[in-house]
N, C-alpha and C. Protein backbone atom coordinates (compact mmCIF):
# COMPACT_ATOMS: atom_id res chain seq x y z
N MET A 1 -29.90 -266.39 91.11
CA MET A 1 -30.65 -266.27 89.86
C MET A 1 -29.87 -265.47 88.82
N ARG A 2 -29.38 -264.31 89.32
CA ARG A 2 -28.61 -263.45 88.41
C ARG A 2 -27.36 -264.16 87.91
N ARG A 3 -26.72 -264.91 88.81
CA ARG A 3 -25.51 -265.64 88.43
C ARG A 3 -25.82 -266.71 87.38
N SER A 4 -26.97 -267.36 87.53
CA SER A 4 -27.36 -268.39 86.57
C SER A 4 -27.58 -267.79 85.18
N ILE A 5 -28.19 -266.61 85.15
CA ILE A 5 -28.42 -265.93 83.87
C ILE A 5 -27.10 -265.57 83.21
N ILE A 6 -26.15 -265.09 84.01
CA ILE A 6 -24.83 -264.72 83.48
C ILE A 6 -24.13 -265.94 82.91
N ILE A 7 -24.24 -267.07 83.61
CA ILE A 7 -23.61 -268.31 83.14
C ILE A 7 -24.23 -268.75 81.82
N ILE A 8 -25.57 -268.69 81.76
CA ILE A 8 -26.27 -269.10 80.53
C ILE A 8 -25.88 -268.21 79.37
N LEU A 9 -25.84 -266.89 79.61
CA LEU A 9 -25.47 -265.95 78.56
C LEU A 9 -24.03 -266.18 78.10
N THR A 10 -23.14 -266.49 79.05
CA THR A 10 -21.74 -266.75 78.72
C THR A 10 -21.62 -267.99 77.85
N VAL A 11 -22.37 -269.04 78.22
CA VAL A 11 -22.35 -270.28 77.44
C VAL A 11 -22.88 -270.04 76.03
N LEU A 12 -23.97 -269.28 75.95
CA LEU A 12 -24.54 -268.97 74.63
C LEU A 12 -23.56 -268.17 73.78
N LEU A 13 -22.87 -267.22 74.41
CA LEU A 13 -21.88 -266.43 73.69
C LEU A 13 -20.74 -267.30 73.17
N LEU A 14 -20.28 -268.23 74.02
CA LEU A 14 -19.20 -269.13 73.60
C LEU A 14 -19.65 -270.03 72.46
N LEU A 15 -20.90 -270.47 72.51
CA LEU A 15 -21.43 -271.31 71.43
C LEU A 15 -21.52 -270.53 70.12
N LEU A 16 -21.92 -269.27 70.21
CA LEU A 16 -21.99 -268.42 69.02
C LEU A 16 -20.61 -268.20 68.42
N VAL A 17 -19.63 -267.95 69.29
CA VAL A 17 -18.25 -267.75 68.81
C VAL A 17 -17.73 -269.03 68.16
N ALA A 18 -18.02 -270.18 68.77
CA ALA A 18 -17.57 -271.45 68.21
C ALA A 18 -18.23 -271.71 66.86
N ALA A 19 -19.54 -271.41 66.77
CA ALA A 19 -20.25 -271.60 65.51
C ALA A 19 -19.70 -270.71 64.42
N ALA A 20 -19.40 -269.47 64.79
CA ALA A 20 -18.83 -268.54 63.82
C ALA A 20 -17.47 -269.03 63.33
N GLY A 21 -16.69 -269.60 64.27
CA GLY A 21 -15.38 -270.13 63.90
C GLY A 21 -15.49 -271.29 62.94
N VAL A 22 -16.45 -272.18 63.20
CA VAL A 22 -16.66 -273.33 62.31
C VAL A 22 -17.08 -272.86 60.93
N LEU A 23 -18.00 -271.90 60.87
CA LEU A 23 -18.45 -271.37 59.57
C LEU A 23 -17.29 -270.74 58.82
N PHE A 24 -16.43 -270.03 59.57
CA PHE A 24 -15.27 -269.39 58.94
C PHE A 24 -14.34 -270.42 58.32
N LEU A 25 -14.19 -271.56 59.02
CA LEU A 25 -13.28 -272.60 58.54
C LEU A 25 -13.84 -273.37 57.35
N ILE A 26 -15.15 -273.62 57.36
CA ILE A 26 -15.72 -274.46 56.30
C ILE A 26 -16.15 -273.65 55.08
N ARG A 27 -16.27 -272.33 55.20
CA ARG A 27 -16.74 -271.53 54.08
C ARG A 27 -15.90 -271.70 52.82
N PRO A 28 -14.55 -271.67 52.91
CA PRO A 28 -13.75 -271.88 51.68
C PRO A 28 -14.04 -273.22 51.01
N SER A 29 -14.24 -274.27 51.81
CA SER A 29 -14.53 -275.58 51.24
C SER A 29 -15.88 -275.60 50.54
N VAL A 30 -16.86 -274.94 51.14
CA VAL A 30 -18.19 -274.90 50.56
C VAL A 30 -18.17 -274.15 49.24
N THR A 31 -17.53 -272.98 49.22
CA THR A 31 -17.49 -272.19 47.99
C THR A 31 -16.68 -272.89 46.91
N ASP A 32 -15.64 -273.62 47.31
CA ASP A 32 -14.87 -274.36 46.31
C ASP A 32 -15.70 -275.49 45.72
N MET A 33 -16.52 -276.13 46.53
CA MET A 33 -17.41 -277.17 46.02
C MET A 33 -18.41 -276.58 45.03
N GLN A 34 -18.87 -275.35 45.31
CA GLN A 34 -19.79 -274.68 44.40
C GLN A 34 -19.09 -274.37 43.07
N ARG A 35 -17.84 -273.90 43.16
CA ARG A 35 -17.08 -273.62 41.94
C ARG A 35 -16.81 -274.91 41.16
N GLN A 36 -16.53 -275.99 41.87
CA GLN A 36 -16.28 -277.27 41.21
C GLN A 36 -17.52 -277.74 40.45
N THR A 37 -18.69 -277.51 41.02
CA THR A 37 -19.94 -277.86 40.34
C THR A 37 -20.09 -277.06 39.05
N VAL A 38 -19.76 -275.76 39.12
CA VAL A 38 -19.84 -274.91 37.93
C VAL A 38 -18.82 -275.37 36.89
N GLU A 39 -17.61 -275.75 37.33
CA GLU A 39 -16.59 -276.24 36.40
C GLU A 39 -17.10 -277.46 35.65
N GLU A 40 -17.71 -278.37 36.37
CA GLU A 40 -18.23 -279.58 35.73
C GLU A 40 -19.32 -279.23 34.72
N GLN A 41 -20.14 -278.25 35.06
CA GLN A 41 -21.17 -277.79 34.12
C GLN A 41 -20.52 -277.18 32.88
N LEU A 42 -19.50 -276.38 33.09
CA LEU A 42 -18.79 -275.75 31.98
C LEU A 42 -18.15 -276.78 31.06
N ILE A 43 -17.50 -277.78 31.65
CA ILE A 43 -16.87 -278.83 30.85
C ILE A 43 -17.92 -279.53 29.98
N ALA A 44 -19.06 -279.86 30.59
CA ALA A 44 -20.13 -280.53 29.84
C ALA A 44 -20.64 -279.65 28.70
N MET A 45 -20.81 -278.36 28.97
CA MET A 45 -21.30 -277.44 27.95
C MET A 45 -20.31 -277.29 26.80
N ILE A 46 -19.03 -277.15 27.15
CA ILE A 46 -18.00 -276.98 26.14
C ILE A 46 -17.85 -278.25 25.31
N GLU A 47 -17.85 -279.40 25.97
CA GLU A 47 -17.75 -280.66 25.24
C GLU A 47 -18.96 -280.89 24.34
N ASP A 48 -20.07 -280.22 24.68
CA ASP A 48 -21.28 -280.31 23.87
C ASP A 48 -21.28 -279.27 22.74
N GLY A 49 -20.18 -278.46 22.69
CA GLY A 49 -20.05 -277.48 21.61
C GLY A 49 -20.66 -276.13 21.89
N GLN A 50 -21.05 -275.88 23.15
CA GLN A 50 -21.66 -274.59 23.49
C GLN A 50 -20.58 -273.54 23.67
N VAL A 51 -20.70 -272.45 22.90
CA VAL A 51 -19.69 -271.39 22.95
C VAL A 51 -20.09 -270.28 23.92
N LYS A 52 -21.26 -269.72 23.72
CA LYS A 52 -21.74 -268.66 24.60
C LYS A 52 -22.44 -269.27 25.81
N ILE A 53 -21.91 -268.99 26.99
CA ILE A 53 -22.43 -269.59 28.22
C ILE A 53 -22.85 -268.47 29.16
N GLU A 54 -24.12 -268.50 29.58
CA GLU A 54 -24.65 -267.45 30.43
C GLU A 54 -25.33 -268.04 31.65
N ASN A 55 -25.71 -267.11 32.54
CA ASN A 55 -26.55 -267.45 33.71
C ASN A 55 -25.92 -268.47 34.64
N LEU A 56 -24.61 -268.38 34.81
CA LEU A 56 -23.92 -269.22 35.79
C LEU A 56 -23.60 -268.38 37.03
N THR A 57 -23.85 -268.92 38.18
CA THR A 57 -23.48 -268.24 39.42
C THR A 57 -22.17 -268.84 39.91
N ILE A 58 -21.11 -268.02 39.90
CA ILE A 58 -19.78 -268.50 40.27
C ILE A 58 -19.30 -267.75 41.51
N PRO A 59 -19.07 -268.45 42.62
CA PRO A 59 -18.61 -267.80 43.84
C PRO A 59 -17.29 -267.07 43.61
N GLU A 60 -17.12 -265.98 44.33
CA GLU A 60 -15.89 -265.21 44.24
C GLU A 60 -14.70 -266.04 44.70
N MET A 61 -13.57 -265.86 44.03
CA MET A 61 -12.34 -266.56 44.38
C MET A 61 -11.58 -265.76 45.43
N GLU A 62 -11.17 -266.42 46.51
CA GLU A 62 -10.43 -265.73 47.57
C GLU A 62 -9.13 -265.13 47.02
N GLY A 63 -8.94 -263.83 47.27
CA GLY A 63 -7.72 -263.16 46.84
C GLY A 63 -7.72 -262.73 45.39
N GLU A 64 -8.83 -262.87 44.69
CA GLU A 64 -8.85 -262.55 43.26
C GLU A 64 -8.66 -261.07 42.99
N GLU A 65 -8.95 -260.24 43.99
CA GLU A 65 -8.81 -258.80 43.77
C GLU A 65 -7.37 -258.39 43.53
N THR A 66 -6.42 -259.17 44.03
CA THR A 66 -5.02 -258.77 43.93
C THR A 66 -4.14 -259.78 43.21
N GLU A 67 -4.66 -260.95 42.88
CA GLU A 67 -3.81 -262.03 42.39
C GLU A 67 -3.03 -261.65 41.14
N PHE A 68 -3.71 -261.03 40.16
CA PHE A 68 -3.02 -260.66 38.93
C PHE A 68 -2.95 -259.15 38.76
N LEU A 69 -3.20 -258.40 39.84
CA LEU A 69 -3.33 -256.96 39.73
C LEU A 69 -2.09 -256.30 39.16
N GLU A 70 -0.90 -256.84 39.46
CA GLU A 70 0.33 -256.23 38.99
C GLU A 70 0.59 -256.55 37.52
N SER A 71 -0.30 -257.31 36.90
CA SER A 71 -0.12 -257.68 35.50
C SER A 71 -1.34 -257.24 34.69
N GLU A 72 -1.85 -256.04 34.95
CA GLU A 72 -3.07 -255.58 34.32
C GLU A 72 -2.94 -255.41 32.82
N GLU A 73 -1.69 -255.32 32.33
CA GLU A 73 -1.53 -255.23 30.88
C GLU A 73 -1.84 -256.55 30.21
N ILE A 74 -1.87 -257.63 30.97
CA ILE A 74 -2.19 -258.96 30.45
C ILE A 74 -3.62 -259.36 30.80
N VAL A 75 -3.97 -259.24 32.07
CA VAL A 75 -5.28 -259.67 32.54
C VAL A 75 -6.20 -258.47 32.67
N SER A 76 -7.46 -258.63 32.29
CA SER A 76 -8.42 -257.55 32.36
C SER A 76 -8.50 -257.01 33.77
N PRO A 77 -8.85 -255.72 33.93
CA PRO A 77 -8.99 -255.14 35.27
C PRO A 77 -10.01 -255.92 36.11
N VAL A 78 -9.90 -255.75 37.40
CA VAL A 78 -10.79 -256.47 38.30
C VAL A 78 -12.24 -256.11 38.01
N ILE A 79 -13.08 -257.12 37.93
CA ILE A 79 -14.50 -256.93 37.68
C ILE A 79 -15.24 -257.01 39.00
N PRO A 80 -16.19 -256.10 39.27
CA PRO A 80 -16.94 -256.17 40.53
C PRO A 80 -17.65 -257.52 40.68
N GLU A 81 -17.85 -257.94 41.92
CA GLU A 81 -18.51 -259.22 42.14
C GLU A 81 -19.94 -259.16 41.61
N ILE A 82 -20.30 -260.09 40.79
CA ILE A 82 -21.63 -260.14 40.19
C ILE A 82 -22.11 -261.58 40.19
N ASP A 83 -23.40 -261.77 39.98
CA ASP A 83 -23.96 -263.11 40.03
C ASP A 83 -23.78 -263.85 38.71
N THR A 84 -24.05 -263.18 37.60
CA THR A 84 -23.98 -263.84 36.30
C THR A 84 -23.29 -262.96 35.28
N LYS A 85 -22.64 -263.61 34.32
CA LYS A 85 -21.96 -262.90 33.25
C LYS A 85 -21.70 -263.90 32.14
N GLU A 86 -21.66 -263.40 30.90
CA GLU A 86 -21.44 -264.31 29.79
C GLU A 86 -19.99 -264.78 29.74
N ILE A 87 -19.81 -266.07 29.50
CA ILE A 87 -18.49 -266.67 29.33
C ILE A 87 -18.43 -267.26 27.93
N THR A 88 -17.28 -267.13 27.28
CA THR A 88 -17.10 -267.69 25.95
C THR A 88 -16.22 -268.93 26.03
N GLY A 89 -16.79 -270.08 25.71
CA GLY A 89 -16.03 -271.31 25.75
C GLY A 89 -14.92 -271.33 24.71
N TYR A 90 -13.79 -271.90 25.07
CA TYR A 90 -12.66 -272.00 24.15
C TYR A 90 -12.17 -273.43 23.99
N GLY A 91 -12.41 -274.28 25.00
CA GLY A 91 -11.97 -275.66 24.91
C GLY A 91 -11.78 -276.28 26.28
N ILE A 92 -10.91 -277.26 26.34
CA ILE A 92 -10.60 -277.99 27.58
C ILE A 92 -9.09 -278.09 27.71
N ILE A 93 -8.58 -277.96 28.94
CA ILE A 93 -7.17 -278.22 29.21
C ILE A 93 -7.09 -279.43 30.15
N ALA A 94 -6.22 -280.37 29.80
CA ALA A 94 -6.04 -281.57 30.62
C ALA A 94 -4.55 -281.85 30.81
N VAL A 95 -4.16 -282.11 32.06
CA VAL A 95 -2.76 -282.39 32.38
C VAL A 95 -2.72 -283.67 33.22
N PRO A 96 -2.53 -284.82 32.59
CA PRO A 96 -2.57 -286.10 33.31
C PRO A 96 -1.62 -286.20 34.49
N ALA A 97 -0.44 -285.62 34.38
CA ALA A 97 0.58 -285.75 35.43
C ALA A 97 0.12 -285.18 36.77
N ILE A 98 -0.79 -284.20 36.74
CA ILE A 98 -1.29 -283.62 37.99
C ILE A 98 -2.80 -283.81 38.11
N ASP A 99 -3.33 -284.76 37.33
CA ASP A 99 -4.74 -285.13 37.41
C ASP A 99 -5.65 -283.90 37.26
N LEU A 100 -5.37 -283.10 36.24
CA LEU A 100 -6.09 -281.84 36.03
C LEU A 100 -6.91 -281.89 34.75
N LYS A 101 -8.17 -281.50 34.85
CA LYS A 101 -9.02 -281.29 33.69
C LYS A 101 -9.90 -280.08 34.00
N MET A 102 -9.79 -279.05 33.17
CA MET A 102 -10.52 -277.81 33.43
C MET A 102 -11.12 -277.26 32.15
N PRO A 103 -12.23 -276.53 32.30
CA PRO A 103 -12.75 -275.81 31.13
C PRO A 103 -11.79 -274.68 30.77
N LEU A 104 -11.75 -274.37 29.50
CA LEU A 104 -10.89 -273.30 29.00
C LEU A 104 -11.77 -272.28 28.33
N VAL A 105 -11.64 -271.00 28.75
CA VAL A 105 -12.49 -269.94 28.21
C VAL A 105 -11.65 -268.86 27.56
N ARG A 106 -12.30 -268.07 26.72
CA ARG A 106 -11.62 -266.93 26.09
C ARG A 106 -11.54 -265.78 27.08
N GLY A 107 -10.35 -265.30 27.31
CA GLY A 107 -10.16 -264.18 28.23
C GLY A 107 -9.75 -264.65 29.61
N ALA A 108 -9.02 -263.79 30.32
CA ALA A 108 -8.54 -264.14 31.65
C ALA A 108 -9.02 -263.11 32.66
N ASP A 109 -10.26 -262.64 32.47
CA ASP A 109 -10.80 -261.66 33.41
C ASP A 109 -11.15 -262.33 34.73
N THR A 110 -11.36 -261.52 35.74
CA THR A 110 -11.57 -262.01 37.09
C THR A 110 -12.72 -263.01 37.19
N TYR A 111 -13.84 -262.69 36.55
CA TYR A 111 -15.01 -263.54 36.65
C TYR A 111 -14.80 -264.89 35.96
N SER A 112 -14.26 -264.86 34.74
CA SER A 112 -14.15 -266.09 33.95
C SER A 112 -13.27 -267.14 34.59
N ILE A 113 -12.16 -266.72 35.19
CA ILE A 113 -11.22 -267.71 35.71
C ILE A 113 -11.53 -268.13 37.14
N ARG A 114 -12.73 -267.76 37.63
CA ARG A 114 -13.16 -268.32 38.91
C ARG A 114 -13.41 -269.82 38.78
N ALA A 115 -13.84 -270.24 37.60
CA ALA A 115 -14.20 -271.65 37.41
C ALA A 115 -13.60 -272.22 36.14
N ALA A 116 -12.54 -271.61 35.64
CA ALA A 116 -11.93 -272.07 34.40
C ALA A 116 -10.52 -271.53 34.29
N ALA A 117 -9.77 -272.06 33.32
CA ALA A 117 -8.50 -271.46 32.93
C ALA A 117 -8.80 -270.51 31.78
N GLY A 118 -8.06 -269.42 31.70
CA GLY A 118 -8.37 -268.40 30.71
C GLY A 118 -7.29 -268.24 29.65
N TRP A 119 -7.68 -268.40 28.37
CA TRP A 119 -6.75 -268.17 27.26
C TRP A 119 -6.65 -266.68 27.00
N TYR A 120 -5.43 -266.18 26.92
CA TYR A 120 -5.17 -264.76 26.66
C TYR A 120 -5.36 -264.48 25.17
N PRO A 121 -6.40 -263.71 24.78
CA PRO A 121 -6.74 -263.52 23.36
C PRO A 121 -5.66 -262.87 22.50
N GLU A 122 -4.71 -262.17 23.13
CA GLU A 122 -3.65 -261.54 22.35
C GLU A 122 -2.52 -262.52 22.04
N SER A 123 -2.64 -263.73 22.54
CA SER A 123 -1.60 -264.74 22.28
C SER A 123 -2.03 -265.63 21.13
N ALA A 124 -1.18 -266.58 20.79
CA ALA A 124 -1.47 -267.48 19.67
C ALA A 124 -2.63 -268.42 20.00
N GLU A 125 -3.40 -268.77 18.99
CA GLU A 125 -4.44 -269.78 19.15
C GLU A 125 -3.76 -271.14 19.41
N MET A 126 -4.46 -272.04 20.09
CA MET A 126 -3.89 -273.36 20.33
C MET A 126 -3.56 -274.05 19.01
N GLY A 127 -2.38 -274.65 18.96
CA GLY A 127 -1.95 -275.36 17.76
C GLY A 127 -1.32 -274.50 16.69
N GLU A 128 -1.36 -273.17 16.86
CA GLU A 128 -0.80 -272.28 15.85
C GLU A 128 0.57 -271.76 16.27
N ALA A 129 1.29 -271.18 15.31
CA ALA A 129 2.63 -270.65 15.58
C ALA A 129 2.54 -269.49 16.56
N GLY A 130 3.53 -269.42 17.43
CA GLY A 130 3.56 -268.37 18.44
C GLY A 130 3.37 -268.96 19.82
N ASN A 131 3.16 -268.09 20.78
CA ASN A 131 3.04 -268.51 22.17
C ASN A 131 1.57 -268.47 22.61
N CYS A 132 0.98 -269.61 22.85
CA CYS A 132 -0.39 -269.72 23.37
C CYS A 132 -0.30 -269.57 24.89
N VAL A 133 -0.97 -268.56 25.44
CA VAL A 133 -0.83 -268.24 26.86
C VAL A 133 -2.14 -268.50 27.60
N ILE A 134 -2.04 -269.23 28.70
CA ILE A 134 -3.22 -269.58 29.50
C ILE A 134 -2.96 -269.23 30.97
N PHE A 135 -3.90 -268.48 31.55
CA PHE A 135 -3.82 -268.09 32.95
C PHE A 135 -4.74 -268.94 33.80
N GLY A 136 -4.36 -269.17 35.05
CA GLY A 136 -5.22 -269.90 35.98
C GLY A 136 -4.89 -269.53 37.41
N HIS A 137 -5.86 -269.70 38.29
CA HIS A 137 -5.65 -269.42 39.71
C HIS A 137 -4.82 -270.52 40.36
N ARG A 138 -4.08 -270.15 41.38
CA ARG A 138 -3.33 -271.10 42.21
C ARG A 138 -4.08 -271.23 43.53
N THR A 139 -5.13 -272.02 43.56
CA THR A 139 -5.96 -272.11 44.75
C THR A 139 -5.25 -272.84 45.88
N ARG A 140 -5.79 -272.68 47.08
CA ARG A 140 -5.19 -273.32 48.26
C ARG A 140 -5.62 -274.78 48.40
N VAL A 141 -6.66 -275.17 47.67
CA VAL A 141 -7.16 -276.54 47.76
C VAL A 141 -6.31 -277.45 46.88
N PHE A 142 -5.74 -278.48 47.47
CA PHE A 142 -4.82 -279.36 46.73
C PHE A 142 -5.50 -279.96 45.50
N GLY A 143 -4.82 -279.82 44.37
CA GLY A 143 -5.31 -280.42 43.14
C GLY A 143 -6.30 -279.58 42.36
N ARG A 144 -6.73 -278.45 42.90
CA ARG A 144 -7.74 -277.64 42.24
C ARG A 144 -7.08 -276.53 41.43
N HIS A 145 -7.63 -276.28 40.24
CA HIS A 145 -7.10 -275.26 39.33
C HIS A 145 -5.61 -275.53 39.09
N PHE A 146 -4.77 -274.50 39.19
CA PHE A 146 -3.34 -274.67 38.91
C PHE A 146 -2.55 -274.90 40.19
N ASN A 147 -3.19 -275.43 41.22
CA ASN A 147 -2.54 -275.62 42.52
C ASN A 147 -1.27 -276.46 42.42
N ARG A 148 -1.29 -277.51 41.58
CA ARG A 148 -0.15 -278.44 41.50
C ARG A 148 0.75 -278.15 40.29
N LEU A 149 0.63 -276.98 39.72
CA LEU A 149 1.38 -276.68 38.51
C LEU A 149 2.89 -276.78 38.72
N ASN A 150 3.34 -276.52 39.93
CA ASN A 150 4.77 -276.59 40.23
C ASN A 150 5.34 -278.00 40.12
N GLU A 151 4.46 -279.02 40.10
CA GLU A 151 4.92 -280.41 40.03
C GLU A 151 5.30 -280.84 38.62
N LEU A 152 4.88 -280.06 37.62
CA LEU A 152 5.18 -280.44 36.24
C LEU A 152 6.67 -280.38 35.97
N LYS A 153 7.13 -281.33 35.18
CA LYS A 153 8.56 -281.39 34.85
C LYS A 153 8.71 -281.63 33.35
N ALA A 154 9.91 -281.43 32.86
CA ALA A 154 10.18 -281.62 31.44
C ALA A 154 9.77 -283.02 31.00
N GLY A 155 9.04 -283.09 29.89
CA GLY A 155 8.58 -284.36 29.37
C GLY A 155 7.12 -284.64 29.65
N ASP A 156 6.53 -283.95 30.64
CA ASP A 156 5.10 -284.12 30.91
C ASP A 156 4.29 -283.54 29.75
N THR A 157 3.07 -284.04 29.59
CA THR A 157 2.23 -283.63 28.47
C THR A 157 1.04 -282.81 28.93
N ILE A 158 0.77 -281.75 28.19
CA ILE A 158 -0.41 -280.90 28.41
C ILE A 158 -1.28 -281.01 27.16
N PHE A 159 -2.54 -281.36 27.33
CA PHE A 159 -3.46 -281.48 26.21
C PHE A 159 -4.42 -280.29 26.17
N LEU A 160 -4.58 -279.72 24.99
CA LEU A 160 -5.59 -278.70 24.77
C LEU A 160 -6.59 -279.23 23.75
N TYR A 161 -7.86 -279.13 24.08
CA TYR A 161 -8.93 -279.58 23.18
C TYR A 161 -9.71 -278.36 22.73
N SER A 162 -9.86 -278.19 21.43
CA SER A 162 -10.59 -277.04 20.90
C SER A 162 -12.09 -277.33 20.86
N MET A 163 -12.87 -276.31 20.53
CA MET A 163 -14.31 -276.46 20.48
C MET A 163 -14.76 -277.42 19.38
N ASP A 164 -13.93 -277.57 18.34
CA ASP A 164 -14.32 -278.48 17.25
C ASP A 164 -13.84 -279.91 17.48
N GLY A 165 -13.26 -280.16 18.65
CA GLY A 165 -12.82 -281.51 19.00
C GLY A 165 -11.38 -281.82 18.67
N SER A 166 -10.66 -280.88 18.06
CA SER A 166 -9.24 -281.10 17.77
C SER A 166 -8.44 -281.19 19.07
N ARG A 167 -7.39 -282.01 19.06
CA ARG A 167 -6.56 -282.16 20.24
C ARG A 167 -5.12 -281.79 19.92
N TYR A 168 -4.53 -281.00 20.81
CA TYR A 168 -3.15 -280.57 20.64
C TYR A 168 -2.36 -281.00 21.88
N ALA A 169 -1.28 -281.71 21.65
CA ALA A 169 -0.42 -282.17 22.75
C ALA A 169 0.82 -281.30 22.81
N TYR A 170 1.10 -280.76 23.97
CA TYR A 170 2.30 -279.96 24.21
C TYR A 170 3.17 -280.67 25.24
N THR A 171 4.46 -280.70 25.01
CA THR A 171 5.39 -281.33 25.94
C THR A 171 6.10 -280.27 26.76
N VAL A 172 6.06 -280.42 28.07
CA VAL A 172 6.68 -279.45 28.98
C VAL A 172 8.19 -279.42 28.75
N THR A 173 8.72 -278.21 28.63
CA THR A 173 10.16 -278.03 28.43
C THR A 173 10.86 -277.42 29.64
N GLY A 174 10.10 -276.82 30.53
CA GLY A 174 10.71 -276.21 31.71
C GLY A 174 9.75 -275.28 32.41
N SER A 175 10.24 -274.66 33.49
CA SER A 175 9.43 -273.71 34.25
C SER A 175 10.34 -272.75 34.98
N GLU A 176 9.77 -271.66 35.45
CA GLU A 176 10.53 -270.69 36.23
C GLU A 176 9.58 -269.78 37.00
N GLU A 177 10.12 -269.13 38.03
CA GLU A 177 9.37 -268.13 38.76
C GLU A 177 9.93 -266.76 38.41
N ILE A 178 9.04 -265.80 38.18
CA ILE A 178 9.47 -264.47 37.76
C ILE A 178 8.78 -263.40 38.59
N GLU A 179 9.32 -262.20 38.53
CA GLU A 179 8.67 -261.04 39.14
C GLU A 179 7.48 -260.64 38.25
N PRO A 180 6.38 -260.20 38.84
CA PRO A 180 5.21 -259.80 38.04
C PRO A 180 5.53 -258.72 37.01
N SER A 181 6.46 -257.84 37.33
CA SER A 181 6.78 -256.74 36.42
C SER A 181 7.46 -257.20 35.14
N THR A 182 7.99 -258.42 35.14
CA THR A 182 8.69 -258.94 33.94
C THR A 182 7.82 -259.88 33.12
N LEU A 183 6.54 -259.99 33.46
CA LEU A 183 5.67 -260.96 32.82
C LEU A 183 5.58 -260.78 31.31
N MET A 184 5.31 -259.56 30.87
CA MET A 184 5.13 -259.32 29.44
C MET A 184 6.39 -259.66 28.65
N ASP A 185 7.54 -259.20 29.15
CA ASP A 185 8.80 -259.47 28.46
C ASP A 185 9.09 -260.97 28.42
N THR A 186 8.76 -261.67 29.50
CA THR A 186 8.99 -263.11 29.55
C THR A 186 8.12 -263.84 28.52
N LEU A 187 6.87 -263.43 28.40
CA LEU A 187 5.98 -264.06 27.42
C LEU A 187 6.47 -263.81 26.00
N LEU A 188 6.91 -262.61 25.73
CA LEU A 188 7.41 -262.28 24.39
C LEU A 188 8.67 -263.07 24.06
N ALA A 189 9.45 -263.38 25.08
CA ALA A 189 10.71 -264.11 24.85
C ALA A 189 10.46 -265.57 24.47
N HIS A 190 9.24 -266.05 24.65
CA HIS A 190 8.90 -267.45 24.32
C HIS A 190 7.91 -267.51 23.16
N ASN A 191 8.06 -266.60 22.24
CA ASN A 191 7.11 -266.48 21.13
C ASN A 191 7.53 -267.22 19.87
N ASP A 192 8.72 -267.81 19.87
CA ASP A 192 9.20 -268.52 18.68
C ASP A 192 8.68 -269.95 18.66
N GLY A 193 8.36 -270.43 17.46
CA GLY A 193 7.90 -271.81 17.32
C GLY A 193 6.43 -271.96 17.68
N PHE A 194 6.06 -273.17 18.08
CA PHE A 194 4.69 -273.48 18.48
C PHE A 194 4.73 -273.78 19.98
N THR A 195 4.51 -272.78 20.78
CA THR A 195 4.72 -272.93 22.21
C THR A 195 3.46 -272.66 23.02
N LEU A 196 3.52 -273.09 24.27
CA LEU A 196 2.44 -272.89 25.23
C LEU A 196 3.04 -272.44 26.54
N THR A 197 2.41 -271.44 27.17
CA THR A 197 2.85 -271.00 28.49
C THR A 197 1.66 -270.97 29.43
N LEU A 198 1.78 -271.69 30.55
CA LEU A 198 0.77 -271.63 31.60
C LEU A 198 1.28 -270.69 32.68
N VAL A 199 0.39 -269.80 33.13
CA VAL A 199 0.78 -268.76 34.09
C VAL A 199 -0.11 -268.82 35.32
N THR A 200 0.51 -268.77 36.49
CA THR A 200 -0.26 -268.67 37.72
C THR A 200 0.57 -267.92 38.75
N CYS A 201 -0.06 -267.63 39.90
CA CYS A 201 0.66 -266.93 40.96
C CYS A 201 1.31 -267.92 41.91
N THR A 202 2.37 -267.49 42.54
CA THR A 202 3.09 -268.32 43.50
C THR A 202 3.78 -267.42 44.51
N PRO A 203 4.03 -267.84 45.75
CA PRO A 203 3.62 -269.10 46.35
C PRO A 203 2.11 -269.15 46.59
N VAL A 204 1.61 -270.36 46.88
CA VAL A 204 0.19 -270.54 47.15
C VAL A 204 -0.22 -269.66 48.33
N GLY A 205 -1.28 -268.90 48.15
CA GLY A 205 -1.79 -268.06 49.22
C GLY A 205 -1.07 -266.74 49.38
N VAL A 206 0.03 -266.55 48.64
CA VAL A 206 0.80 -265.31 48.72
C VAL A 206 0.72 -264.57 47.39
N GLY A 207 1.13 -265.26 46.32
CA GLY A 207 1.01 -264.69 44.98
C GLY A 207 1.94 -263.54 44.68
N SER A 208 3.09 -263.49 45.33
CA SER A 208 4.02 -262.38 45.10
C SER A 208 4.78 -262.51 43.78
N HIS A 209 4.85 -263.73 43.24
CA HIS A 209 5.56 -263.98 41.99
C HIS A 209 4.66 -264.73 41.00
N ARG A 210 5.19 -264.95 39.80
CA ARG A 210 4.44 -265.69 38.80
C ARG A 210 5.20 -266.98 38.47
N LEU A 211 4.46 -268.09 38.45
CA LEU A 211 5.02 -269.37 38.05
C LEU A 211 4.69 -269.59 36.57
N MET A 212 5.72 -269.80 35.77
CA MET A 212 5.57 -270.00 34.34
C MET A 212 5.96 -271.43 33.99
N VAL A 213 5.07 -272.12 33.29
CA VAL A 213 5.38 -273.47 32.80
C VAL A 213 5.37 -273.41 31.28
N TYR A 214 6.49 -273.82 30.67
CA TYR A 214 6.66 -273.71 29.22
C TYR A 214 6.54 -275.09 28.57
N ALA A 215 5.94 -275.10 27.37
CA ALA A 215 5.79 -276.36 26.64
C ALA A 215 5.83 -276.08 25.14
N SER A 216 6.12 -277.10 24.37
CA SER A 216 6.17 -277.00 22.91
C SER A 216 5.22 -278.00 22.28
N LEU A 217 4.62 -277.62 21.18
CA LEU A 217 3.67 -278.49 20.49
C LEU A 217 4.38 -279.75 20.01
N SER A 218 3.82 -280.92 20.33
CA SER A 218 4.45 -282.17 19.95
C SER A 218 3.56 -283.01 19.04
N ALA A 219 2.23 -282.75 19.07
CA ALA A 219 1.32 -283.51 18.21
C ALA A 219 -0.02 -282.78 18.12
N SER A 220 -0.71 -283.00 17.02
CA SER A 220 -2.06 -282.44 16.86
C SER A 220 -2.89 -283.41 16.05
N GLU A 221 -4.20 -283.44 16.34
CA GLU A 221 -5.07 -284.37 15.62
C GLU A 221 -6.51 -283.85 15.64
């Protein structure tokens, strides 16, 4: 009898461990699906002309506490995990070559870029002279956020859509990987003309360096 109880308890323990393992494995996929739903909501709101966006629940991004930490002069300090916070819509970013379409918001704070790409407010406005800088996460899920940014090559097109419906086309001119400590100097070095810089962390899941993709304005309408 005692042996039977021990066997049953052992089986139950193994089942609990297996269940915990399954939950551990599927949790990132579930939270990414939740973020994707929020992204789609954001795109619809922005395309509808909504600037101030509130009451969205956005799951925390894995590794967000450290992803841009070494670049605090550019990205706002880490914000504690919260359920809702106001987001300011800025437009849409679309990159056909990597099948990317994301909402674009003002600011690159921790909360905002969980479900969007973030325009750095100290940089040039889209379509204007100077360097327009946009930050995004390099998620582990293929095709999500700036995950495939490394695939862009010279000649590819990046589209930015403003809140008033204007469209700006930028042509990729090159890319490079840099040390986080050189980020500010690198951005300043690309401030001539009408330029765009997309910034993310690399390698995927490590984030020890910054991947920079450079582009120049080629058309606006």
